Protein backbone atom coordinates (compact mmCIF):
# COMPACT_ATOMS: atom_id res chain seq x y z
CA MET A 1 0.10 0.11 0.06
CA ASN A 2 1.26 3.36 -0.85
CA LEU A 3 0.84 5.09 2.40
CA SER A 4 1.51 8.89 0.83
CA PHE A 5 -1.43 8.47 -1.50
CA GLY A 6 -3.78 6.66 0.84
CA GLN A 7 -3.38 9.69 3.73
CA ASN A 8 -4.05 12.03 0.32
CA PHE A 9 -7.55 10.19 0.39
CA GLU A 10 -8.88 11.02 3.77
CA GLY A 11 -11.54 13.99 3.34
CA LYS A 12 -14.31 15.16 1.34
CA TRP A 13 -14.46 15.10 -2.23
CA ILE A 14 -16.71 16.69 -5.27
CA LEU A 15 -16.94 14.38 -8.21
CA ASN A 16 -16.41 17.02 -11.27
CA LYS A 17 -18.26 16.13 -14.22
CA ASN A 18 -16.33 15.89 -17.86
CA GLY A 19 -17.72 16.13 -21.08
CA ASP A 20 -20.64 14.33 -22.13
CA THR A 21 -20.41 12.12 -18.99
CA TYR A 22 -23.90 11.51 -17.59
CA LEU A 23 -24.13 11.18 -14.09
CA VAL A 24 -26.64 9.12 -11.92
CA PRO A 25 -27.08 11.09 -9.27
CA LYS A 26 -26.02 14.33 -10.94
CA ILE A 27 -24.60 15.78 -7.81
CA ASN A 28 -22.18 13.07 -5.70
CA LEU A 29 -19.73 13.74 -3.01
CA PHE A 30 -17.44 11.19 -1.61
CA GLU A 31 -15.89 11.33 2.07
CA PHE A 32 -12.51 9.13 2.61
CA GLU A 33 -12.13 8.16 5.95
CA ASN A 34 -10.18 5.83 8.04
CA GLY A 35 -10.66 3.50 5.40
CA LYS A 36 -14.53 3.72 4.63
CA LEU A 37 -16.22 5.59 1.21
CA ILE A 38 -19.24 7.13 2.05
CA SER A 39 -21.02 8.33 -1.12
CA SER A 40 -24.05 11.00 -0.79
CA ASP A 41 -25.50 12.67 -3.46
CA ILE A 42 -25.66 16.08 -0.99
CA GLU A 43 -28.58 15.21 0.61
CA LYS A 44 -28.51 11.61 1.90
CA ILE A 45 -26.28 8.83 1.66
CA ILE A 46 -25.79 6.10 -1.42
CA PHE A 47 -23.38 3.65 -0.22
CA SER A 48 -20.95 3.58 2.62
CA HIS A 49 -17.93 0.61 1.88
CA ASN A 50 -14.56 -0.19 3.00
CA TYR A 51 -11.79 0.74 0.62
CA ASN A 52 -8.10 -0.07 -0.22
CA ILE A 53 -5.26 1.34 -1.73
CA ILE A 54 -3.14 -0.49 -4.19
CA GLU A 55 -0.39 1.33 -5.60
CA ASN A 56 -2.34 3.50 -8.14
CA GLU A 57 -5.68 1.24 -7.93
CA ILE A 58 -8.68 1.67 -5.91
CA PHE A 59 -10.55 -1.46 -4.46
CA VAL A 60 -14.30 -1.09 -2.84
CA GLU A 61 -15.21 -3.93 -1.11
CA ASN A 62 -12.36 -5.66 -2.50
CA ASN A 63 -13.94 -4.96 -6.27
CA TYR A 64 -11.36 -3.01 -8.60
CA PHE A 65 -12.97 0.38 -8.59
CA GLY A 66 -10.23 2.32 -11.06
CA SER A 67 -7.01 3.78 -11.20
CA PHE A 68 -6.08 7.33 -10.17
CA LYS A 69 -3.53 9.87 -10.79
CA PHE A 70 -3.03 12.69 -8.51
CA ILE A 71 -3.06 16.48 -10.29
CA ASN A 72 -2.17 17.79 -7.30
CA GLU A 73 -2.63 17.09 -3.69
CA ASN A 74 -6.33 18.10 -4.08
CA ARG A 75 -7.39 16.62 -7.12
CA PHE A 76 -7.11 13.68 -8.84
CA THR A 77 -8.39 11.77 -12.44
CA LEU A 78 -10.20 8.39 -11.55
CA PHE A 79 -10.27 6.02 -15.01
CA LYS A 80 -12.10 3.34 -14.78
CA LYS A 81 -14.39 1.14 -17.44
CA ASP A 82 -17.98 2.11 -17.73
CA GLU A 83 -20.11 -0.09 -16.58
CA LYS A 84 -23.08 0.14 -19.26
CA ASP A 85 -20.71 0.30 -22.46
CA GLU A 86 -17.09 -2.12 -21.14
CA LYS A 87 -15.55 -0.59 -24.55
CA ARG A 88 -16.00 2.95 -23.06
CA LYS A 89 -13.51 4.27 -20.48
CA LEU A 90 -14.37 7.12 -18.37
CA GLU A 91 -12.13 9.80 -16.95
CA LEU A 92 -13.32 11.52 -13.49
CA ASP A 93 -11.95 14.06 -11.54
CA PHE A 94 -12.54 14.81 -7.83
CA VAL A 95 -11.83 18.11 -6.42
CA ARG A 96 -11.10 17.89 -2.39
CA LEU A 97 -13.89 20.22 -0.46
CA GLU A 98 -12.44 22.92 1.54
CA LYS A 99 -13.94 25.25 4.34
CA THR A 100 -15.18 28.44 3.00
CA GLU A 101 -12.90 31.42 3.86
CA THR A 102 -15.51 34.19 4.47
CA GLU A 103 -16.65 36.48 7.57
CA LEU A 104 -20.28 36.97 5.81
CA THR A 105 -23.36 34.91 7.40
CA GLN A 106 -25.35 32.66 4.90
CA THR A 107 -27.83 35.71 4.35
CA GLU A 108 -25.56 38.68 3.65
CA ILE A 109 -24.28 36.49 0.80
CA GLU A 110 -27.42 35.70 -0.26
CA LYS A 111 -27.72 39.55 -0.50
CA LEU A 112 -24.81 39.94 -3.10
CA THR A 113 -24.83 39.52 -6.81
CA PHE A 114 -21.66 38.76 -8.50
CA GLU A 115 -21.40 38.73 -12.20
CA ASP A 116 -18.15 38.35 -15.33
CA THR A 117 -18.79 39.16 -18.49
CA ASN A 118 -16.25 37.67 -20.11
CA TYR A 119 -17.84 34.00 -19.19
CA ASN A 120 -21.33 35.50 -19.55
CA LEU A 121 -21.68 34.19 -15.99
CA LYS A 122 -24.37 35.89 -13.00
CA ILE A 123 -24.05 34.54 -9.45
CA ALA A 124 -27.55 35.73 -7.61
CA PHE A 125 -29.20 33.92 -5.06
CA ASN A 126 -33.08 33.46 -4.34
CA VAL A 127 -34.03 34.89 -8.52
CA GLU A 128 -34.75 34.15 -11.20
CA LEU A 129 -31.87 34.25 -13.60
CA GLN A 130 -33.47 33.10 -16.79
CA LYS A 131 -33.94 35.96 -19.60
CA PRO A 132 -37.67 36.93 -19.75
CA GLU A 133 -37.97 35.94 -23.12
CA ILE A 134 -37.03 32.66 -22.72
CA LEU A 135 -39.70 32.47 -20.27
CA GLN A 136 -41.92 33.67 -22.06
CA ILE A 137 -41.34 31.22 -25.08
CA PHE A 138 -41.59 28.17 -22.75
CA LYS A 139 -44.56 29.55 -20.59
CA GLY A 140 -42.20 29.36 -17.50
CA LYS A 141 -40.89 26.37 -17.68
CA ALA A 142 -37.28 26.95 -18.61
CA THR A 143 -36.33 28.85 -14.74
CA LYS A 144 -32.93 29.06 -13.76
CA LYS A 145 -32.08 29.39 -10.03
CA MET A 146 -29.28 29.61 -7.31
CA LEU A 147 -29.80 28.62 -3.94
CA LEU A 148 -26.74 28.98 -1.42
CA LYS A 149 -26.27 25.46 0.78
CA LYS A 150 -24.03 25.18 3.34
CA VAL A 151 -22.28 21.43 3.95
CA ASP A 152 -20.00 21.25 7.20
CA GLU A 153 -17.75 24.25 6.79
CA THR A 154 -18.14 24.45 2.67
CA TYR A 155 -20.59 26.32 0.84
CA PHE A 156 -21.84 25.43 -2.62
CA ILE A 157 -23.86 27.34 -5.22
CA GLN A 158 -26.99 24.86 -6.17
CA ASN A 159 -28.30 25.16 -9.72
CA PHE A 160 -31.57 24.68 -10.58
CA GLU A 161 -33.01 24.32 -13.75
CA ASP A 162 -36.29 23.92 -14.60
CA GLY A 163 -37.01 23.33 -10.81
CA GLU A 164 -34.66 20.03 -10.71
CA LEU A 165 -30.86 20.56 -8.72
CA ASP A 166 -28.29 20.56 -11.69
CA SER A 167 -25.47 20.73 -10.81
CA ILE A 168 -23.32 22.20 -7.56
CA ILE A 169 -20.50 24.57 -6.81
CA PRO A 170 -18.23 24.64 -4.74
CA ILE A 171 -17.05 28.57 -3.10
CA ARG A 172 -13.49 28.86 -1.90
CA LYS A 173 -13.75 32.39 -0.34
CA VAL A 174 -16.20 35.22 -0.44
CA ASN A 175 -16.76 38.85 0.64
CA SER A 176 -18.20 41.87 0.00
CA GLU A 177 -15.95 42.44 -2.90
CA CYS A 178 -16.00 38.95 -4.68
CA ILE A 179 -16.52 35.52 -5.21
CA GLU A 180 -13.84 32.66 -5.69
CA ILE A 181 -15.70 29.29 -7.03
CA TYR A 182 -13.93 25.78 -8.07
CA GLY A 183 -14.03 22.29 -8.72
CA PHE A 184 -15.86 22.80 -12.07
CA SER A 185 -13.00 23.00 -14.73
CA ARG A 186 -10.41 20.77 -15.90
CA GLU A 187 -7.53 23.22 -16.54
CA GLU A 188 -5.63 25.64 -14.44
CA PRO A 189 -5.83 27.36 -12.13
CA TYR A 190 -9.41 25.13 -11.98
CA SER A 191 -10.98 28.08 -10.32
CA LEU A 192 -12.63 31.10 -10.83
CA THR A 193 -12.94 34.61 -8.76
CA ILE A 194 -16.05 37.29 -9.76
CA LYS A 195 -16.40 40.37 -8.91
CA ARG A 196 -19.57 41.85 -7.03
CA ILE A 197 -21.71 44.32 -9.09
């Protein structure tokens, strides 16, 4: 067993969806803790199994789970075969969750709006973000909203499309001037800082 890698797994991780990868459930959190691998969808536990590491391979309940490669101490890629299509190989990125740096309360954060015009990205909580003309065309069935969620010491942006939770993005830092999000990109610096408007 490679202890340096084994020790690096301890903690909570979010599975980052890559390309055309279809995930069920859409939200996947994993916790590696004292030889246990606990999977959840942010609301409920999906499974809890024993795991071990042999060189660069993960075994869950003594069954091969996949091989891995660390990108840095807070990110690794898992390589495994698609259970539905043996010819297809999956590359799944896992990002370690961090404690969100903030002095603001949840209510204070929810009152802030952030925008990055380069990426056409707006972050605002508890309001309709879809363009009015799109809502009118689809008779209100194309809603787009963001909610703020806290799990342990990490805040997340929950993205809802048409009333269903579509994705979550962890927040590294938020203050009255900017918000830094991470865990959504496969390219360095793996994060984005967006200014308040």
